[in-house]
Amino acid sequence: MDTTQLLKGVLDLAVLAALRDGDGYGYDILRRLRTAGLTEVGDASVYGTLRRLFNAGLLNSYVVPSIEGPHRKYYALNKAGQAELERSGKGWHEFASTMNHLLHERETA
């Protein structure tokens, strides 16, 4: 199965979920996603998703100065982002449940 196509459909949800437990900057969020098992996610995809979610009003951002390198732009879930995470999460669980049901029927037929 080509997981890259699946990933495109759920990357917004995955990024929101990665921010659920704390603020993060681009590379940190990428690392969280890869550690969680989304090893095929690309850097550009995550950065684009962060910009899109921010522009949609689902994330807040702030800059933290760094002595050792460039400043880091951190992203945080806001109330709208938390609501979207909950709404999309429910949708994902319903979809996954339907797919599990369909696959189970096929395996037992």
N, C-alpha and C. Protein backbone atom coordinates (compact mmCIF):
# COMPACT_ATOMS: atom_id res chain seq x y z
N MET A 1 0.84 -1.18 0.00
CA MET A 1 0.00 0.00 0.00
C MET A 1 0.89 1.24 0.00
N ASP A 2 0.51 2.23 -0.77
CA ASP A 2 1.26 3.49 -0.84
C ASP A 2 0.83 4.39 0.31
N THR A 3 1.62 4.39 1.37
CA THR A 3 1.26 5.18 2.55
C THR A 3 1.40 6.67 2.33
N THR A 4 2.15 7.08 1.29
CA THR A 4 2.30 8.51 1.05
C THR A 4 0.96 9.15 0.71
N GLN A 5 0.09 8.43 0.00
CA GLN A 5 -1.24 8.96 -0.31
C GLN A 5 -2.10 9.05 0.95
N LEU A 6 -2.01 8.05 1.81
CA LEU A 6 -2.74 8.11 3.08
C LEU A 6 -2.26 9.28 3.93
N LEU A 7 -0.96 9.47 3.95
CA LEU A 7 -0.36 10.52 4.76
C LEU A 7 -0.84 11.90 4.32
N LYS A 8 -0.97 12.11 3.02
CA LYS A 8 -1.46 13.40 2.52
C LYS A 8 -2.83 13.72 3.08
N GLY A 9 -3.66 12.70 3.23
CA GLY A 9 -5.02 12.92 3.72
C GLY A 9 -5.12 13.15 5.21
N VAL A 10 -4.10 12.77 5.96
CA VAL A 10 -4.19 12.89 7.42
C VAL A 10 -3.07 13.74 8.03
N LEU A 11 -2.28 14.41 7.21
CA LEU A 11 -1.15 15.16 7.76
C LEU A 11 -1.61 16.31 8.66
N ASP A 12 -2.67 17.01 8.29
CA ASP A 12 -3.18 18.07 9.15
C ASP A 12 -3.51 17.52 10.54
N LEU A 13 -4.24 16.42 10.57
CA LEU A 13 -4.61 15.79 11.83
C LEU A 13 -3.37 15.33 12.59
N ALA A 14 -2.40 14.76 11.91
CA ALA A 14 -1.18 14.29 12.56
C ALA A 14 -0.40 15.44 13.19
N VAL A 15 -0.31 16.56 12.49
CA VAL A 15 0.42 17.72 13.02
C VAL A 15 -0.32 18.29 14.23
N LEU A 16 -1.64 18.40 14.14
CA LEU A 16 -2.41 18.88 15.29
C LEU A 16 -2.20 17.96 16.49
N ALA A 17 -2.22 16.66 16.25
CA ALA A 17 -2.03 15.70 17.33
C ALA A 17 -0.62 15.80 17.92
N ALA A 18 0.38 16.06 17.07
CA ALA A 18 1.75 16.19 17.56
C ALA A 18 1.91 17.41 18.46
N LEU A 19 1.05 18.40 18.28
CA LEU A 19 1.11 19.61 19.10
C LEU A 19 0.21 19.55 20.33
N ARG A 20 -0.54 18.48 20.46
CA ARG A 20 -1.49 18.35 21.57
C ARG A 20 -0.81 18.45 22.94
N ASP A 21 0.36 17.86 23.06
CA ASP A 21 1.02 17.82 24.37
C ASP A 21 2.04 18.91 24.59
N GLY A 22 2.19 19.80 23.62
CA GLY A 22 3.14 20.89 23.83
C GLY A 22 3.53 21.59 22.55
N ASP A 23 3.94 22.83 22.69
CA ASP A 23 4.36 23.64 21.56
C ASP A 23 5.60 23.03 20.92
N GLY A 24 5.82 23.37 19.67
CA GLY A 24 7.00 22.85 18.98
C GLY A 24 7.34 23.68 17.76
N TYR A 25 8.60 23.60 17.35
CA TYR A 25 9.05 24.25 16.13
C TYR A 25 9.10 23.21 15.02
N GLY A 26 9.27 23.64 13.79
CA GLY A 26 9.14 22.77 12.63
C GLY A 26 9.88 21.45 12.72
N TYR A 27 11.19 21.50 12.95
CA TYR A 27 11.96 20.26 12.98
C TYR A 27 11.56 19.38 14.16
N ASP A 28 11.23 19.99 15.28
CA ASP A 28 10.78 19.25 16.46
C ASP A 28 9.48 18.49 16.15
N ILE A 29 8.57 19.13 15.46
CA ILE A 29 7.29 18.48 15.10
C ILE A 29 7.55 17.36 14.10
N LEU A 30 8.43 17.59 13.15
CA LEU A 30 8.81 16.55 12.19
C LEU A 30 9.38 15.34 12.93
N ARG A 31 10.25 15.58 13.90
CA ARG A 31 10.85 14.50 14.69
C ARG A 31 9.76 13.75 15.49
N ARG A 32 8.80 14.48 16.05
CA ARG A 32 7.70 13.83 16.79
C ARG A 32 6.91 12.89 15.87
N LEU A 33 6.62 13.36 14.67
CA LEU A 33 5.85 12.54 13.72
C LEU A 33 6.63 11.30 13.32
N ARG A 34 7.90 11.47 13.04
CA ARG A 34 8.73 10.32 12.63
C ARG A 34 8.90 9.33 13.78
N THR A 35 9.07 9.84 14.99
CA THR A 35 9.19 8.97 16.16
C THR A 35 7.90 8.18 16.38
N ALA A 36 6.76 8.79 16.06
CA ALA A 36 5.47 8.13 16.21
C ALA A 36 5.24 7.06 15.15
N GLY A 37 6.10 7.03 14.11
CA GLY A 37 5.96 6.00 13.08
C GLY A 37 5.68 6.53 11.69
N LEU A 38 5.51 7.82 11.54
CA LEU A 38 5.28 8.40 10.21
C LEU A 38 6.63 8.73 9.57
N THR A 39 7.40 7.70 9.30
CA THR A 39 8.78 7.86 8.84
C THR A 39 8.89 8.45 7.44
N GLU A 40 7.83 8.36 6.65
CA GLU A 40 7.89 8.84 5.27
C GLU A 40 7.49 10.30 5.12
N VAL A 41 7.12 10.96 6.21
CA VAL A 41 6.70 12.36 6.13
C VAL A 41 7.91 13.22 5.76
N GLY A 42 7.68 14.14 4.82
CA GLY A 42 8.76 14.99 4.35
C GLY A 42 8.81 16.33 5.07
N ASP A 43 10.00 16.89 5.11
CA ASP A 43 10.20 18.18 5.77
C ASP A 43 9.28 19.25 5.18
N ALA A 44 9.30 19.37 3.86
CA ALA A 44 8.51 20.41 3.20
C ALA A 44 7.03 20.24 3.47
N SER A 45 6.57 19.01 3.56
CA SER A 45 5.15 18.76 3.83
C SER A 45 4.76 19.27 5.21
N VAL A 46 5.61 19.04 6.19
CA VAL A 46 5.31 19.48 7.56
C VAL A 46 5.33 21.00 7.64
N TYR A 47 6.35 21.64 7.07
CA TYR A 47 6.43 23.09 7.12
C TYR A 47 5.24 23.73 6.39
N GLY A 48 4.86 23.17 5.25
CA GLY A 48 3.69 23.67 4.53
C GLY A 48 2.40 23.49 5.32
N THR A 49 2.29 22.37 5.98
CA THR A 49 1.10 22.10 6.81
C THR A 49 1.04 23.07 7.97
N LEU A 50 2.16 23.34 8.61
CA LEU A 50 2.18 24.31 9.72
C LEU A 50 1.72 25.68 9.24
N ARG A 51 2.22 26.12 8.10
CA ARG A 51 1.80 27.42 7.55
C ARG A 51 0.30 27.43 7.25
N ARG A 52 -0.18 26.36 6.65
CA ARG A 52 -1.60 26.28 6.29
C ARG A 52 -2.49 26.29 7.54
N LEU A 53 -2.10 25.51 8.56
CA LEU A 53 -2.89 25.47 9.80
C LEU A 53 -2.85 26.81 10.52
N PHE A 54 -1.69 27.47 10.49
CA PHE A 54 -1.58 28.80 11.09
C PHE A 54 -2.48 29.79 10.35
N ASN A 55 -2.41 29.79 9.02
CA ASN A 55 -3.23 30.70 8.22
C ASN A 55 -4.72 30.42 8.37
N ALA A 56 -5.07 29.19 8.70
CA ALA A 56 -6.48 28.83 8.92
C ALA A 56 -6.95 29.21 10.32
N GLY A 57 -6.06 29.75 11.14
CA GLY A 57 -6.43 30.18 12.48
C GLY A 57 -6.46 29.07 13.51
N LEU A 58 -5.81 27.93 13.21
CA LEU A 58 -5.83 26.79 14.13
C LEU A 58 -4.61 26.73 15.04
N LEU A 59 -3.59 27.53 14.73
CA LEU A 59 -2.36 27.56 15.51
C LEU A 59 -1.96 28.99 15.83
N ASN A 60 -1.32 29.17 16.96
CA ASN A 60 -0.64 30.42 17.27
C ASN A 60 0.84 30.17 17.04
N SER A 61 1.60 31.24 16.85
CA SER A 61 3.04 31.08 16.71
C SER A 61 3.76 32.18 17.46
N TYR A 62 5.00 31.89 17.82
CA TYR A 62 5.87 32.86 18.48
C TYR A 62 7.31 32.47 18.18
N VAL A 63 8.19 33.44 18.26
CA VAL A 63 9.59 33.23 17.94
C VAL A 63 10.40 33.21 19.24
N VAL A 64 11.31 32.24 19.32
CA VAL A 64 12.22 32.13 20.46
C VAL A 64 13.63 32.35 19.95
N PRO A 65 14.31 33.40 20.47
CA PRO A 65 15.69 33.65 20.05
C PRO A 65 16.60 32.49 20.44
N SER A 66 17.63 32.28 19.64
CA SER A 66 18.60 31.22 19.90
C SER A 66 20.01 31.80 19.80
N ILE A 67 20.82 31.49 20.77
CA ILE A 67 22.21 31.95 20.77
C ILE A 67 23.04 31.13 19.79
N GLU A 68 22.69 29.86 19.63
CA GLU A 68 23.50 28.92 18.85
C GLU A 68 23.12 28.83 17.37
N GLY A 69 22.10 29.53 16.95
CA GLY A 69 21.68 29.43 15.56
C GLY A 69 20.52 30.37 15.30
N PRO A 70 19.80 30.12 14.22
CA PRO A 70 18.67 30.99 13.90
C PRO A 70 17.56 30.88 14.94
N HIS A 71 16.78 31.95 15.02
CA HIS A 71 15.63 31.93 15.92
C HIS A 71 14.68 30.83 15.48
N ARG A 72 13.93 30.29 16.43
CA ARG A 72 12.99 29.22 16.12
C ARG A 72 11.57 29.73 16.24
N LYS A 73 10.78 29.39 15.23
CA LYS A 73 9.36 29.75 15.25
C LYS A 73 8.60 28.57 15.83
N TYR A 74 8.00 28.79 16.97
CA TYR A 74 7.22 27.75 17.65
C TYR A 74 5.75 27.88 17.28
N TYR A 75 5.07 26.74 17.26
CA TYR A 75 3.64 26.69 17.00
C TYR A 75 2.94 26.07 18.20
N ALA A 76 1.73 26.56 18.46
CA ALA A 76 0.94 26.06 19.57
C ALA A 76 -0.51 25.93 19.14
N LEU A 77 -1.17 24.89 19.61
CA LEU A 77 -2.61 24.75 19.38
C LEU A 77 -3.34 25.87 20.11
N ASN A 78 -4.30 26.48 19.45
CA ASN A 78 -5.20 27.41 20.14
C ASN A 78 -6.55 26.72 20.30
N LYS A 79 -7.54 27.43 20.80
CA LYS A 79 -8.86 26.80 21.03
C LYS A 79 -9.46 26.25 19.74
N ALA A 80 -9.32 27.00 18.65
CA ALA A 80 -9.85 26.52 17.36
C ALA A 80 -9.11 25.27 16.91
N GLY A 81 -7.80 25.23 17.13
CA GLY A 81 -7.02 24.05 16.77
C GLY A 81 -7.38 22.84 17.61
N GLN A 82 -7.62 23.06 18.89
CA GLN A 82 -8.03 21.97 19.77
C GLN A 82 -9.39 21.42 19.34
N ALA A 83 -10.30 22.32 18.97
CA ALA A 83 -11.62 21.89 18.50
C ALA A 83 -11.50 21.10 17.20
N GLU A 84 -10.63 21.56 16.30
CA GLU A 84 -10.43 20.85 15.03
C GLU A 84 -9.79 19.49 15.26
N LEU A 85 -8.85 19.42 16.18
CA LEU A 85 -8.23 18.14 16.52
C LEU A 85 -9.29 17.16 17.02
N GLU A 86 -10.16 17.62 17.88
CA GLU A 86 -11.22 16.74 18.40
C GLU A 86 -12.19 16.32 17.29
N ARG A 87 -12.61 17.27 16.46
CA ARG A 87 -13.55 16.98 15.37
C ARG A 87 -12.92 16.02 14.36
N SER A 88 -11.71 16.32 13.92
CA SER A 88 -11.05 15.48 12.93
C SER A 88 -10.67 14.13 13.52
N GLY A 89 -10.31 14.11 14.79
CA GLY A 89 -9.99 12.84 15.45
C GLY A 89 -11.19 11.91 15.48
N LYS A 90 -12.36 12.46 15.76
CA LYS A 90 -13.58 11.64 15.75
C LYS A 90 -13.85 11.11 14.34
N GLY A 91 -13.67 11.98 13.36
CA GLY A 91 -13.85 11.55 11.97
C GLY A 91 -12.89 10.44 11.59
N TRP A 92 -11.64 10.56 12.03
CA TRP A 92 -10.65 9.53 11.74
C TRP A 92 -11.04 8.21 12.39
N HIS A 93 -11.45 8.25 13.65
CA HIS A 93 -11.83 7.02 14.34
C HIS A 93 -13.02 6.34 13.66
N GLU A 94 -13.99 7.13 13.21
CA GLU A 94 -15.14 6.56 12.49
C GLU A 94 -14.69 5.92 11.18
N PHE A 95 -13.82 6.61 10.45
CA PHE A 95 -13.32 6.09 9.18
C PHE A 95 -12.51 4.81 9.41
N ALA A 96 -11.61 4.83 10.39
CA ALA A 96 -10.78 3.66 10.68
C ALA A 96 -11.64 2.49 11.12
N SER A 97 -12.68 2.76 11.89
CA SER A 97 -13.58 1.70 12.33
C SER A 97 -14.30 1.07 11.14
N THR A 98 -14.74 1.91 10.20
CA THR A 98 -15.39 1.42 9.00
C THR A 98 -14.45 0.55 8.18
N MET A 99 -13.21 1.03 8.00
CA MET A 99 -12.23 0.26 7.24
C MET A 99 -11.90 -1.06 7.94
N ASN A 100 -11.74 -1.03 9.25
CA ASN A 100 -11.48 -2.26 10.00
C ASN A 100 -12.62 -3.25 9.83
N HIS A 101 -13.84 -2.74 9.86
CA HIS A 101 -15.02 -3.59 9.67
C HIS A 101 -15.00 -4.21 8.26
N LEU A 102 -14.75 -3.38 7.26
CA LEU A 102 -14.71 -3.89 5.89
C LEU A 102 -13.61 -4.92 5.70
N LEU A 103 -12.45 -4.66 6.23
CA LEU A 103 -11.34 -5.59 6.10
C LEU A 103 -11.60 -6.89 6.85
N HIS A 104 -12.21 -6.79 7.99
CA HIS A 104 -12.53 -7.99 8.77
C HIS A 104 -13.56 -8.85 8.03
N GLU A 105 -14.56 -8.19 7.45
CA GLU A 105 -15.59 -8.95 6.69
C GLU A 105 -14.92 -9.70 5.54
N ARG A 106 -14.02 -9.05 4.88
CA ARG A 106 -13.34 -9.64 3.72
C ARG A 106 -12.48 -10.85 4.15
N GLU A 107 -11.83 -10.70 5.30
CA GLU A 107 -10.95 -11.77 5.78
C GLU A 107 -11.73 -12.99 6.23
N THR A 108 -12.97 -12.80 6.72
CA THR A 108 -13.74 -13.92 7.23
C THR A 108 -14.67 -14.51 6.17
N ALA A 109 -14.75 -13.87 5.01
CA ALA A 109 -15.65 -14.36 3.96
C ALA A 109 -15.05 -15.54 3.22
